[in-house]
PDB file of N, CA and C in Angstrom:
ATOM      1  N   GLU A   1     131.428  76.044  37.089  1.00  0.00           N
ATOM      2  CA  GLU A   1     131.772  75.355  38.412  1.00  0.00           C
ATOM      3  C   GLU A   1     132.968  75.961  38.920  1.00  0.00           C
ATOM      4  N   GLN A   2     133.035  76.714  39.355  1.00  0.00           N
ATOM      5  CA  GLN A   2     134.390  77.229  39.965  1.00  0.00           C
ATOM      6  C   GLN A   2     135.045  76.299  41.035  1.00  0.00           C
ATOM      7  N   THR A   3     136.345  75.980  41.087  1.00  0.00           N
ATOM      8  CA  THR A   3     137.023  75.072  42.121  1.00  0.00           C
ATOM      9  C   THR A   3     138.317  75.925  42.017  1.00  0.00           C
ATOM     10  N   GLY A   4     139.342  75.334  43.215  1.00  0.00           N
ATOM     11  CA  GLY A   4     140.663  75.626  43.333  1.00  0.00           C
ATOM     12  C   GLY A   4     141.184  75.150  44.610  1.00  0.00           C
ATOM     13  N   ILE A   5     142.098  75.846  44.938  1.00  0.00           N
ATOM     14  CA  ILE A   5     142.852  75.310  46.433  1.00  0.00           C
ATOM     15  C   ILE A   5     143.120  76.703  46.924  1.00  0.00           C
ATOM     16  N   PHE A   6     142.776  76.960  48.142  1.00  0.00           N
ATOM     17  CA  PHE A   6     143.216  78.119  48.939  1.00  0.00           C
ATOM     18  C   PHE A   6     144.177  77.373  50.145  1.00  0.00           C
ATOM     19  N   VAL A   7     145.064  78.390  50.737  1.00  0.00           N
ATOM     20  CA  VAL A   7     146.244  77.933  51.684  1.00  0.00           C
ATOM     21  C   VAL A   7     145.691  78.558  52.612  1.00  0.00           C
ATOM     22  N   THR A   8     145.733  78.451  53.754  1.00  0.00           N
ATOM     23  CA  THR A   8     145.667  78.932  55.055  1.00  0.00           C
ATOM     24  C   THR A   8     147.004  78.926  55.897  1.00  0.00           C
ATOM     25  N   ILE A   9     147.591  79.932  55.964  1.00  0.00           N
ATOM     26  CA  ILE A   9     148.956  80.015  57.007  1.00  0.00           C
ATOM     27  C   ILE A   9     149.066  80.739  58.231  1.00  0.00           C
ATOM     28  N   GLY A  10     148.864  79.489  59.088  1.00  0.00           N
ATOM     29  CA  GLY A  10     148.612  80.383  60.311  1.00  0.00           C
ATOM     30  C   GLY A  10     147.617  79.240  61.121  1.00  0.00           C
ATOM     31  N   VAL A  11     146.913  79.703  62.241  1.00  0.00           N
ATOM     32  CA  VAL A  11     146.149  78.867  62.906  1.00  0.00           C
ATOM     33  C   VAL A  11     144.785  79.408  62.817  1.00  0.00           C
ATOM     34  N   ILE A  12     143.800  78.001  62.477  1.00  0.00           N
ATOM     35  CA  ILE A  12     142.404  78.485  62.195  1.00  0.00           C
ATOM     36  C   ILE A  12     141.556  77.676  63.303  1.00  0.00           C
ATOM     37  N   ASP A  13     140.700  78.119  63.419  1.00  0.00           N
ATOM     38  CA  ASP A  13     139.758  77.565  64.880  1.00  0.00           C
ATOM     39  C   ASP A  13     139.150  76.071  64.073  1.00  0.00           C
ATOM     40  N   LYS A  14     138.240  76.565  62.926  1.00  0.00           N
ATOM     41  CA  LYS A  14     137.691  75.345  62.120  1.00  0.00           C
ATOM     42  C   LYS A  14     137.780  76.004  60.604  1.00  0.00           C
ATOM     43  N   PRO A  15     137.637  74.702  59.932  1.00  0.00           N
ATOM     44  CA  PRO A  15     137.979  75.123  58.234  1.00  0.00           C
ATOM     45  C   PRO A  15     137.011  76.049  57.919  1.00  0.00           C
ATOM     46  N   ILE A  16     137.578  77.055  56.891  1.00  0.00           N
ATOM     47  CA  ILE A  16     136.486  78.064  56.396  1.00  0.00           C
ATOM     48  C   ILE A  16     135.711  77.686  55.075  1.00  0.00           C
ATOM     49  N   GLU A  17     134.616  77.694  55.054  1.00  0.00           N
ATOM     50  CA  GLU A  17     133.766  77.587  53.953  1.00  0.00           C
ATOM     51  C   GLU A  17     134.271  78.406  52.437  1.00  0.00           C
ATOM     52  N   SER A  18     134.392  77.704  51.395  1.00  0.00           N
ATOM     53  CA  SER A  18     134.559  78.432  50.118  1.00  0.00           C
ATOM     54  C   SER A  18     133.144  78.601  49.402  1.00  0.00           C
ATOM     55  N   PRO A  19     133.016  79.782  48.960  1.00  0.00           N
ATOM     56  CA  PRO A  19     131.923  80.280  48.184  1.00  0.00           C
ATOM     57  C   PRO A  19     132.035  79.755  46.889  1.00  0.00           C
ATOM     58  N   ILE A  20     133.095  79.474  46.503  1.00  0.00           N
ATOM     59  CA  ILE A  20     133.525  78.742  45.036  1.00  0.00           C
ATOM     60  C   ILE A  20     133.991  77.343  45.070  1.00  0.00           C
ATOM     61  N   GLY A  21     133.616  76.796  46.117  1.00  0.00           N
ATOM     62  CA  GLY A  21     134.020  75.479  46.166  1.00  0.00           C
ATOM     63  C   GLY A  21     135.532  74.847  45.983  1.00  0.00           C
ATOM     64  N   ALA A  22     136.441  75.726  46.410  1.00  0.00           N
ATOM     65  CA  ALA A  22     137.672  75.370  46.767  1.00  0.00           C
ATOM     66  C   ALA A  22     137.997  74.518  47.714  1.00  0.00           C
ATOM     67  N   THR A  23     139.185  73.925  47.685  1.00  0.00           N
ATOM     68  CA  THR A  23     139.410  73.003  48.885  1.00  0.00           C
ATOM     69  C   THR A  23     140.385  73.782  49.664  1.00  0.00           C
ATOM     70  N   GLN A  24     140.713  73.675  51.302  1.00  0.00           N
ATOM     71  CA  GLN A  24     141.272  74.460  52.150  1.00  0.00           C
ATOM     72  C   GLN A  24     142.563  73.508  52.542  1.00  0.00           C
ATOM     73  N   HIS A  25     143.691  73.735  52.633  1.00  0.00           N
ATOM     74  CA  HIS A  25     144.610  73.257  52.979  1.00  0.00           C
ATOM     75  C   HIS A  25     145.320  74.272  54.142  1.00  0.00           C
ATOM     76  N   GLN A  26     145.944  73.687  55.355  1.00  0.00           N
ATOM     77  CA  GLN A  26     146.529  74.495  56.160  1.00  0.00           C
ATOM     78  C   GLN A  26     148.022  74.006  56.199  1.00  0.00           C
ATOM     79  N   ILE A  27     148.849  75.115  56.227  1.00  0.00           N
ATOM     80  CA  ILE A  27     150.377  74.891  56.102  1.00  0.00           C
ATOM     81  C   ILE A  27     150.547  74.403  57.298  1.00  0.00           C
ATOM     82  N   PHE A  28     150.464  74.982  58.638  1.00  0.00           N
ATOM     83  CA  PHE A  28     151.159  74.826  59.832  1.00  0.00           C
ATOM     84  C   PHE A  28     150.064  75.714  60.909  1.00  0.00           C
ATOM     85  N   ASN A  29     150.147  75.035  61.914  1.00  0.00           N
ATOM     86  CA  ASN A  29     149.517  75.290  63.286  1.00  0.00           C
ATOM     87  C   ASN A  29     150.056  76.327  64.157  1.00  0.00           C
ATOM     88  N   ALA A  30     151.489  76.458  63.930  1.00  0.00           N
ATOM     89  CA  ALA A  30     152.156  77.269  64.921  1.00  0.00           C
ATOM     90  C   ALA A  30     153.253  77.508  64.278  1.00  0.00           C
ATOM     91  N   PRO A  31     154.024  79.102  64.612  1.00  0.00           N
ATOM     92  CA  PRO A  31     155.083  79.667  64.127  1.00  0.00           C
ATOM     93  C   PRO A  31     156.190  78.759  64.057  1.00  0.00           C
ATOM     94  N   CYS A  32     156.968  78.183  63.163  1.00  0.00           N
ATOM     95  CA  CYS A  32     158.229  77.633  62.800  1.00  0.00           C
ATOM     96  C   CYS A  32     158.915  77.805  61.983  1.00  0.00           C
ATOM     97  N   THR A  33     160.365  78.407  62.239  1.00  0.00           N
ATOM     98  CA  THR A  33     161.108  78.707  61.191  1.00  0.00           C
ATOM     99  C   THR A  33     161.412  77.803  59.780  1.00  0.00           C
ATOM    100  N   GLU A  34     161.148  76.657  60.236  1.00  0.00           N
ATOM    101  CA  GLU A  34     161.485  75.529  58.937  1.00  0.00           C
ATOM    102  C   GLU A  34     160.125  75.683  58.174  1.00  0.00           C
ATOM    103  N   TYR A  35     158.805  76.099  58.539  1.00  0.00           N
ATOM    104  CA  TYR A  35     157.930  75.865  57.928  1.00  0.00           C
ATOM    105  C   TYR A  35     157.895  77.376  57.049  1.00  0.00           C
ATOM    106  N   LEU A  36     158.535  78.351  57.808  1.00  0.00           N
ATOM    107  CA  LEU A  36     158.562  79.830  57.269  1.00  0.00           C
ATOM    108  C   LEU A  36     159.299  79.721  56.204  1.00  0.00           C
ATOM    109  N   LEU A  37     160.482  78.972  56.030  1.00  0.00           N
ATOM    110  CA  LEU A  37     161.301  78.655  55.210  1.00  0.00           C
ATOM    111  C   LEU A  37     161.086  78.280  53.713  1.00  0.00           C
ATOM    112  N   GLU A  38     160.234  77.009  54.200  1.00  0.00           N
ATOM    113  CA  GLU A  38     159.575  76.136  53.222  1.00  0.00           C
ATOM    114  C   GLU A  38     158.575  77.113  52.316  1.00  0.00           C
ATOM    115  N   LEU A  39     157.988  77.808  53.098  1.00  0.00           N
ATOM    116  CA  LEU A  39     156.947  78.566  52.248  1.00  0.00           C
ATOM    117  C   LEU A  39     157.807  79.407  51.495  1.00  0.00           C
ATOM    118  N   LYS A  40     158.596  80.377  51.970  1.00  0.00           N
ATOM    119  CA  LYS A  40     159.463  81.394  51.209  1.00  0.00           C
ATOM    120  C   LYS A  40     159.823  80.541  49.920  1.00  0.00           C
ATOM    121  N   LYS A  41     160.024  79.601  49.864  1.00  0.00           N
ATOM    122  CA  LYS A  41     160.862  78.941  48.633  1.00  0.00           C
ATOM    123  C   LYS A  41     159.970  78.696  47.911  1.00  0.00           C
ATOM    124  N   LEU A  42     158.331  78.403  48.281  1.00  0.00           N
ATOM    125  CA  LEU A  42     157.198  78.064  47.502  1.00  0.00           C
ATOM    126  C   LEU A  42     156.925  79.724  46.818  1.00  0.00           C
ATOM    127  N   ILE A  43     157.172  80.805  47.701  1.00  0.00           N
ATOM    128  CA  ILE A  43     156.739  81.599  46.953  1.00  0.00           C
ATOM    129  C   ILE A  43     157.527  82.214  45.810  1.00  0.00           C
ATOM    130  N   GLU A  44     158.965  82.069  46.340  1.00  0.00           N
ATOM    131  CA  GLU A  44     159.883  82.638  45.326  1.00  0.00           C
ATOM    132  C   GLU A  44     159.788  81.500  43.993  1.00  0.00           C
ATOM    133  N   ALA A  45     159.388  80.430  43.979  1.00  0.00           N
ATOM    134  CA  ALA A  45     159.117  79.569  42.800  1.00  0.00           C
ATOM    135  C   ALA A  45     158.100  79.836  41.881  1.00  0.00           C
ATOM    136  N   GLY A  46     157.152  80.826  42.506  1.00  0.00           N
ATOM    137  CA  GLY A  46     155.954  81.207  41.704  1.00  0.00           C
ATOM    138  C   GLY A  46     154.992  80.000  42.030  1.00  0.00           C
ATOM    139  N   GLN A  47     154.603  79.294  42.928  1.00  0.00           N
ATOM    140  CA  GLN A  47     154.311  78.322  43.257  1.00  0.00           C
ATOM    141  C   GLN A  47     152.775  78.341  44.186  1.00  0.00           C
ATOM    142  N   VAL A  48     153.126  80.197  44.767  1.00  0.00           N
ATOM    143  CA  VAL A  48     151.957  80.460  45.693  1.00  0.00           C
ATOM    144  C   VAL A  48     151.319  81.795  44.883  1.00  0.00           C
ATOM    145  N   LYS A  49     150.253  81.634  44.632  1.00  0.00           N
ATOM    146  CA  LYS A  49     149.512  82.862  44.130  1.00  0.00           C
ATOM    147  C   LYS A  49     148.345  83.500  45.288  1.00  0.00           C
ATOM    148  N   THR A  50     148.366  84.893  45.025  1.00  0.00           N
ATOM    149  CA  THR A  50     147.542  85.534  45.862  1.00  0.00           C
ATOM    150  C   THR A  50     146.402  86.340  44.887  1.00  0.00           C
ATOM    151  N   ALA A  51     145.268  85.922  45.245  1.00  0.00           N
ATOM    152  CA  ALA A  51     144.415  86.886  44.410  1.00  0.00           C
ATOM    153  C   ALA A  51     144.242  88.116  45.151  1.00  0.00           C
ATOM    154  N   ILE A  52     144.390  88.775  44.077  1.00  0.00           N
ATOM    155  CA  ILE A  52     144.077  90.301  44.645  1.00  0.00           C
ATOM    156  C   ILE A  52     143.065  91.236  44.042  1.00  0.00           C
ATOM    157  N   ASP A  53     141.825  91.700  44.693  1.00  0.00           N
ATOM    158  CA  ASP A  53     140.877  92.365  44.066  1.00  0.00           C
ATOM    159  C   ASP A  53     141.020  93.717  43.843  1.00  0.00           C
ATOM    160  N   SER A  54     142.095  94.549  44.972  1.00  0.00           N
ATOM    161  CA  SER A  54     141.747  96.038  44.635  1.00  0.00           C
ATOM    162  C   SER A  54     143.187  96.360  45.352  1.00  0.00           C
ATOM    163  N   VAL A  55     143.619  97.703  44.897  1.00  0.00           N
ATOM    164  CA  VAL A  55     144.757  98.190  45.735  1.00  0.00           C
ATOM    165  C   VAL A  55     144.366  99.453  45.848  1.00  0.00           C
ATOM    166  N   HIS A  56     144.389 100.095  47.090  1.00  0.00           N
ATOM    167  CA  HIS A  56     143.693 101.666  47.529  1.00  0.00           C
ATOM    168  C   HIS A  56     144.856 102.273  48.414  1.00  0.00           C
ATOM    169  N   PRO A  57     144.881 103.223  47.916  1.00  0.00           N
ATOM    170  CA  PRO A  57     145.810 104.228  49.006  1.00  0.00           C
ATOM    171  C   PRO A  57     145.294 104.757  50.161  1.00  0.00           C
ATOM    172  N   LEU A  58     145.796 104.925  51.240  1.00  0.00           N
ATOM    173  CA  LEU A  58     145.459 105.255  52.536  1.00  0.00           C
ATOM    174  C   LEU A  58     144.543 106.171  52.547  1.00  0.00           C
ATOM    175  N   GLU A  59     144.356 106.903  51.831  1.00  0.00           N
ATOM    176  CA  GLU A  59     143.402 108.010  51.434  1.00  0.00           C
ATOM    177  C   GLU A  59     141.854 107.545  51.433  1.00  0.00           C
ATOM    178  N   ASN A  60     141.905 106.523  50.893  1.00  0.00           N
ATOM    179  CA  ASN A  60     140.897 105.697  50.612  1.00  0.00           C
ATOM    180  C   ASN A  60     140.100 104.392  51.055  1.00  0.00           C
ATOM    181  N   LEU A  61     140.670 104.434  52.354  1.00  0.00           N
ATOM    182  CA  LEU A  61     140.438 103.684  53.344  1.00  0.00           C
ATOM    183  C   LEU A  61     139.287 103.345  53.790  1.00  0.00           C
ATOM    184  N   VAL A  62     138.107 104.261  53.492  1.00  0.00           N
ATOM    185  CA  VAL A  62     136.478 104.085  53.864  1.00  0.00           C
ATOM    186  C   VAL A  62     136.101 103.061  52.523  1.00  0.00           C
ATOM    187  N   GLU A  63     136.764 103.533  51.638  1.00  0.00           N
ATOM    188  CA  GLU A  63     135.981 102.776  50.072  1.00  0.00           C
ATOM    189  C   GLU A  63     136.705 101.233  50.150  1.00  0.00           C
ATOM    190  N   ALA A  64     137.712 101.288  50.748  1.00  0.00           N
ATOM    191  CA  ALA A  64     138.166  99.929  50.570  1.00  0.00           C
ATOM    192  C   ALA A  64     137.791  98.907  51.797  1.00  0.00           C
ATOM    193  N   MET A  65     137.380  99.803  52.808  1.00  0.00           N
ATOM    194  CA  MET A  65     136.747  98.790  54.163  1.00  0.00           C
ATOM    195  C   MET A  65     135.002  98.567  53.484  1.00  0.00           C
ATOM    196  N   LYS A  66     134.344  99.302  52.461  1.00  0.00           N
ATOM    197  CA  LYS A  66     133.070  99.175  51.974  1.00  0.00           C
ATOM    198  C   LYS A  66     133.401  98.138  51.204  1.00  0.00           C
ATOM    199  N   ILE A  67     134.051  98.074  50.503  1.00  0.00           N
ATOM    200  CA  ILE A  67     134.441  96.527  49.526  1.00  0.00           C
ATOM    201  C   ILE A  67     134.650  95.516  50.252  1.00  0.00           C
ATOM    202  N   CYS A  68     135.284  95.286  51.481  1.00  0.00           N
ATOM    203  CA  CYS A  68     135.488  94.362  52.132  1.00  0.00           C
ATOM    204  C   CYS A  68     134.370  94.088  52.886  1.00  0.00           C
ATOM    205  N   MET A  69     133.759  94.743  53.622  1.00  0.00           N
ATOM    206  CA  MET A  69     132.317  94.720  54.253  1.00  0.00           C
ATOM    207  C   MET A  69     131.160  94.340  53.280  1.00  0.00           C
ATOM    208  N   SER A  70     131.423  94.413  52.109  1.00  0.00           N
ATOM    209  CA  SER A  70     130.223  93.919  51.058  1.00  0.00           C
ATOM    210  C   SER A  70     130.258  92.367  50.889  1.00  0.00           C
ATOM    211  N   HIS A  71     131.661  91.648  51.361  1.00  0.00           N
ATOM    212  CA  HIS A  71     131.853  90.506  50.791  1.00  0.00           C
ATOM    213  C   HIS A  71     131.549  90.231  49.666  1.00  0.00           C
ATOM    214  N   ARG A  72     132.275  90.917  48.818  1.00  0.00           N
ATOM    215  CA  ARG A  72     131.885  90.748  47.146  1.00  0.00           C
ATOM    216  C   ARG A  72     133.445  90.540  46.542  1.00  0.00           C
ATOM    217  N   ALA A  73     134.450  91.038  47.482  1.00  0.00           N
ATOM    218  CA  ALA A  73     136.015  90.688  46.920  1.00  0.00           C
ATOM    219  C   ALA A  73     136.208  89.739  46.383  1.00  0.00           C
ATOM    220  N   LYS A  74     136.684  89.629  45.086  1.00  0.00           N
ATOM    221  CA  LYS A  74     137.194  88.170  44.707  1.00  0.00           C
ATOM    222  C   LYS A  74     138.875  88.000  44.854  1.00  0.00           C
ATOM    223  N   GLY A  75     139.559  88.787  46.219  1.00  0.00           N
ATOM    224  CA  GLY A  75     140.850  88.497  46.545  1.00  0.00           C
ATOM    225  C   GLY A  75     140.876  89.284  47.609  1.00  0.00           C
ATOM    226  N   LYS A  76     142.349  89.479  48.017  1.00  0.00           N
ATOM    227  CA  LYS A  76     142.859  90.677  48.934  1.00  0.00           C
ATOM    228  C   LYS A  76     142.670  91.913  48.317  1.00  0.00           C
ATOM    229  N   ILE A  77     142.091  92.601  49.515  1.00  0.00           N
ATOM    230  CA  ILE A  77     141.936  94.042  49.383  1.00  0.00           C
ATOM    231  C   ILE A  77     143.198  94.819  50.128  1.00  0.00           C
ATOM    232  N   ILE A  78     144.088  95.430  48.821  1.00  0.00           N
ATOM    233  CA  ILE A  78     145.483  96.000  49.456  1.00  0.00           C
ATOM    234  C   ILE A  78     145.058  97.378  49.857  1.00  0.00           C
ATOM    235  N   ILE A  79     145.466  97.820  51.293  1.00  0.00           N
ATOM    236  CA  ILE A  79     146.263  99.359  51.687  1.00  0.00           C
ATOM    237  C   ILE A  79     147.270  99.644  51.547  1.00  0.00           C
ATOM    238  N   GLU A  80     147.821 100.502  50.605  1.00  0.00           N
ATOM    239  CA  GLU A  80     148.996 101.054  50.260  1.00  0.00           C
ATOM    240  C   GLU A  80     148.916 102.192  51.423  1.00  0.00           C
ATOM    241  N   VAL A  81     150.208 102.046  52.084  1.00  0.00           N
ATOM    242  CA  VAL A  81     150.195 102.861  53.155  1.00  0.00           C
ATOM    243  C   VAL A  81     151.264 104.143  52.443  1.00  0.00           C
ATOM    244  N   ALA A  82     152.358 103.353  51.710  1.00  0.00           N
ATOM    245  CA  ALA A  82     153.578 104.358  51.175  1.00  0.00           C
ATOM    246  C   ALA A  82     153.853 103.423  50.073  1.00  0.00           C
ATOM    247  N   LYS A  83     154.397 104.187  49.505  1.00  0.00           N
ATOM    248  CA  LYS A  83     154.756 103.579  47.907  1.00  0.00           C
ATOM    249  C   LYS A  83     156.324 103.519  48.162  1.00  0.00           C
ATOM    250  N   GLU A  84     157.078 102.150  48.070  1.00  0.00           N
ATOM    251  CA  GLU A  84     158.321 101.905  48.111  1.00  0.00           C
ATOM    252  C   GLU A  84     159.105 102.887  47.006  1.00  0.00           C
TER     253      GLU A  84
END
């Protein structure tokens, strides 16, 4: 049994159903500097983790979109526009 917690940042119309039984928490409903600063602290403290499925260069955008549309990604699909 897979479980966990996922956090939505921003406005959502209704709760998102999790295919793995995770619990959803929404941080805020409207932009607010105070909330964003609190979120920044949590990220810097390593308390917020993002699941990354794959990273693709911009040239492979079509392949990345196919993965996205398959609904089989296990996390975020990152499109790398430029290297830093």
